[in-house]
Amino acid sequence: MKIMKKVLIRMELPGMTSKIYDEVWEDLRKAGQATPKGLIHHIGVPTENGILVNDVWESAEHFNEFGKTLMPIMEKHNVPQVKPTILPIHYQYIAK
């Protein structure tokens, strides 16, 4: 049995506006991905250059599966394709 390890996914999306970000999420909801399987936490932050996304996923495999829906939607909105940084999580603390 393969043990899946939680991962941090980081993507800097140059040129993406908050309006486009919201439209992508709306399309994801329409595609049945309002709560993607394996997604633990998502943060989208506007920056000077676009949007910075940081996610925590149950595994890289879950993220890659979600990408099959995400990528065509990103292309539809002319979001430049970027290679995400995928890092295994050593420790996670969630304050209550």
C-alpha atoms as a PDB file:
ATOM      1  CA  MET A   1       0.000   0.000   0.000  1.00  0.00           C
ATOM      2  CA  LYS A   2       1.365   3.404  -0.994  1.00  0.00           C
ATOM      3  CA  ILE A   3       1.356   5.995   1.790  1.00  0.00           C
ATOM      4  CA  MET A   4       0.274   9.395   0.540  1.00  0.00           C
ATOM      5  CA  LYS A   5       1.941  12.386   2.149  1.00  0.00           C
ATOM      6  CA  LYS A   6       0.370  15.808   2.549  1.00  0.00           C
ATOM      7  CA  VAL A   7       1.852  18.469   0.281  1.00  0.00           C
ATOM      8  CA  LEU A   8       2.036  22.228   0.026  1.00  0.00           C
ATOM      9  CA  ILE A   9       1.241  23.504  -3.454  1.00  0.00           C
ATOM     10  CA  ARG A  10       2.492  26.988  -4.303  1.00  0.00           C
ATOM     11  CA  MET A  11       1.696  28.812  -7.545  1.00  0.00           C
ATOM     12  CA  GLU A  12       2.456  32.373  -8.544  1.00  0.00           C
ATOM     13  CA  LEU A  13       0.015  33.379 -11.281  1.00  0.00           C
ATOM     14  CA  PRO A  14       1.345  36.513 -13.008  1.00  0.00           C
ATOM     15  CA  GLY A  15      -1.246  38.757 -14.600  1.00  0.00           C
ATOM     16  CA  MET A  16      -4.182  37.058 -12.874  1.00  0.00           C
ATOM     17  CA  THR A  17      -6.610  39.568 -11.408  1.00  0.00           C
ATOM     18  CA  SER A  18      -8.996  39.093  -8.492  1.00  0.00           C
ATOM     19  CA  LYS A  19     -11.859  39.209 -11.008  1.00  0.00           C
ATOM     20  CA  ILE A  20     -10.369  36.347 -13.063  1.00  0.00           C
ATOM     21  CA  TYR A  21      -9.597  34.408  -9.862  1.00  0.00           C
ATOM     22  CA  ASP A  22     -13.267  34.683  -8.836  1.00  0.00           C
ATOM     23  CA  GLU A  23     -14.399  33.608 -12.323  1.00  0.00           C
ATOM     24  CA  VAL A  24     -12.136  30.538 -12.185  1.00  0.00           C
ATOM     25  CA  TRP A  25     -13.649  29.556  -8.825  1.00  0.00           C
ATOM     26  CA  GLU A  26     -17.150  30.045 -10.206  1.00  0.00           C
ATOM     27  CA  ASP A  27     -16.328  27.729 -13.120  1.00  0.00           C
ATOM     28  CA  LEU A  28     -14.839  25.191 -10.701  1.00  0.00           C
ATOM     29  CA  ARG A  29     -18.077  25.228  -8.701  1.00  0.00           C
ATOM     30  CA  LYS A  30     -20.076  24.713 -11.901  1.00  0.00           C
ATOM     31  CA  ALA A  31     -17.808  21.747 -12.714  1.00  0.00           C
ATOM     32  CA  GLY A  32     -18.622  20.148  -9.356  1.00  0.00           C
ATOM     33  CA  GLN A  33     -15.338  21.161  -7.734  1.00  0.00           C
ATOM     34  CA  ALA A  34     -16.604  23.511  -4.987  1.00  0.00           C
ATOM     35  CA  THR A  35     -14.796  21.284  -2.495  1.00  0.00           C
ATOM     36  CA  PRO A  36     -12.130  19.362  -4.419  1.00  0.00           C
ATOM     37  CA  LYS A  37     -11.363  15.892  -3.073  1.00  0.00           C
ATOM     38  CA  GLY A  38      -8.146  15.986  -1.066  1.00  0.00           C
ATOM     39  CA  LEU A  39      -7.957  19.772  -0.657  1.00  0.00           C
ATOM     40  CA  ILE A  40      -7.399  20.689   2.991  1.00  0.00           C
ATOM     41  CA  HIS A  41      -6.743  24.419   2.794  1.00  0.00           C
ATOM     42  CA  HIS A  42      -6.594  27.068   0.050  1.00  0.00           C
ATOM     43  CA  ILE A  43      -5.371  30.665   0.134  1.00  0.00           C
ATOM     44  CA  GLY A  44      -5.429  33.077  -2.814  1.00  0.00           C
ATOM     45  CA  VAL A  45      -3.529  36.335  -2.238  1.00  0.00           C
ATOM     46  CA  PRO A  46      -3.452  39.334  -4.599  1.00  0.00           C
ATOM     47  CA  THR A  47       0.107  40.569  -5.218  1.00  0.00           C
ATOM     48  CA  GLU A  48       1.649  43.344  -7.307  1.00  0.00           C
ATOM     49  CA  ASN A  49       2.109  40.854 -10.158  1.00  0.00           C
ATOM     50  CA  GLY A  50      -1.021  38.705  -9.973  1.00  0.00           C
ATOM     51  CA  ILE A  51      -2.276  36.068  -7.538  1.00  0.00           C
ATOM     52  CA  LEU A  52      -0.259  33.852  -5.193  1.00  0.00           C
ATOM     53  CA  VAL A  53      -1.903  30.524  -4.326  1.00  0.00           C
ATOM     54  CA  ASN A  54      -0.899  28.295  -1.421  1.00  0.00           C
ATOM     55  CA  ASP A  55      -2.769  25.030  -0.876  1.00  0.00           C
ATOM     56  CA  VAL A  56      -2.453  22.090   1.460  1.00  0.00           C
ATOM     57  CA  TRP A  57      -3.526  18.798  -0.163  1.00  0.00           C
ATOM     58  CA  GLU A  58      -3.831  15.280   1.207  1.00  0.00           C
ATOM     59  CA  SER A  59      -1.395  14.241  -1.548  1.00  0.00           C
ATOM     60  CA  ALA A  60       0.170  15.335  -4.820  1.00  0.00           C
ATOM     61  CA  GLU A  61      -2.015  12.711  -6.508  1.00  0.00           C
ATOM     62  CA  HIS A  62      -5.157  14.490  -5.305  1.00  0.00           C
ATOM     63  CA  PHE A  63      -3.834  17.806  -6.613  1.00  0.00           C
ATOM     64  CA  ASN A  64      -2.899  16.268  -9.978  1.00  0.00           C
ATOM     65  CA  GLU A  65      -6.387  14.778 -10.329  1.00  0.00           C
ATOM     66  CA  PHE A  66      -7.929  18.192  -9.588  1.00  0.00           C
ATOM     67  CA  GLY A  67      -5.636  19.699 -12.218  1.00  0.00           C
ATOM     68  CA  LYS A  68      -7.545  17.777 -14.900  1.00  0.00           C
ATOM     69  CA  THR A  69     -10.485  20.095 -14.209  1.00  0.00           C
ATOM     70  CA  LEU A  70      -8.512  23.189 -13.209  1.00  0.00           C
ATOM     71  CA  MET A  71      -6.186  23.498 -16.199  1.00  0.00           C
ATOM     72  CA  PRO A  72      -8.851  23.756 -18.931  1.00  0.00           C
ATOM     73  CA  ILE A  73     -10.650  26.374 -16.828  1.00  0.00           C
ATOM     74  CA  MET A  74      -7.433  28.354 -16.359  1.00  0.00           C
ATOM     75  CA  GLU A  75      -6.810  28.166 -20.116  1.00  0.00           C
ATOM     76  CA  LYS A  76     -10.364  29.403 -20.774  1.00  0.00           C
ATOM     77  CA  HIS A  77      -9.547  32.511 -18.713  1.00  0.00           C
ATOM     78  CA  ASN A  78      -6.133  32.989 -20.380  1.00  0.00           C
ATOM     79  CA  VAL A  79      -4.220  32.417 -17.153  1.00  0.00           C
ATOM     80  CA  PRO A  80      -0.569  31.726 -18.005  1.00  0.00           C
ATOM     81  CA  GLN A  81       0.412  28.123 -17.328  1.00  0.00           C
ATOM     82  CA  VAL A  82       2.908  27.899 -14.506  1.00  0.00           C
ATOM     83  CA  LYS A  83       4.528  24.868 -12.980  1.00  0.00           C
ATOM     84  CA  PRO A  84       3.408  24.561  -9.360  1.00  0.00           C
ATOM     85  CA  THR A  85       5.934  24.040  -6.618  1.00  0.00           C
ATOM     86  CA  ILE A  86       5.012  20.846  -4.758  1.00  0.00           C
ATOM     87  CA  LEU A  87       6.615  20.350  -1.347  1.00  0.00           C
ATOM     88  CA  PRO A  88       6.049  17.475   1.096  1.00  0.00           C
ATOM     89  CA  ILE A  89       4.795  18.701   4.455  1.00  0.00           C
ATOM     90  CA  HIS A  90       6.941  17.672   7.400  1.00  0.00           C
ATOM     91  CA  TYR A  91       4.723  19.172  10.119  1.00  0.00           C
ATOM     92  CA  GLN A  92       1.371  20.894  10.219  1.00  0.00           C
ATOM     93  CA  TYR A  93      -0.079  22.774  13.197  1.00  0.00           C
ATOM     94  CA  ILE A  94      -3.622  24.100  13.177  1.00  0.00           C
ATOM     95  CA  ALA A  95      -4.483  26.538  15.954  1.00  0.00           C
ATOM     96  CA  LYS A  96      -7.991  26.325  17.345  1.00  0.00           C
END
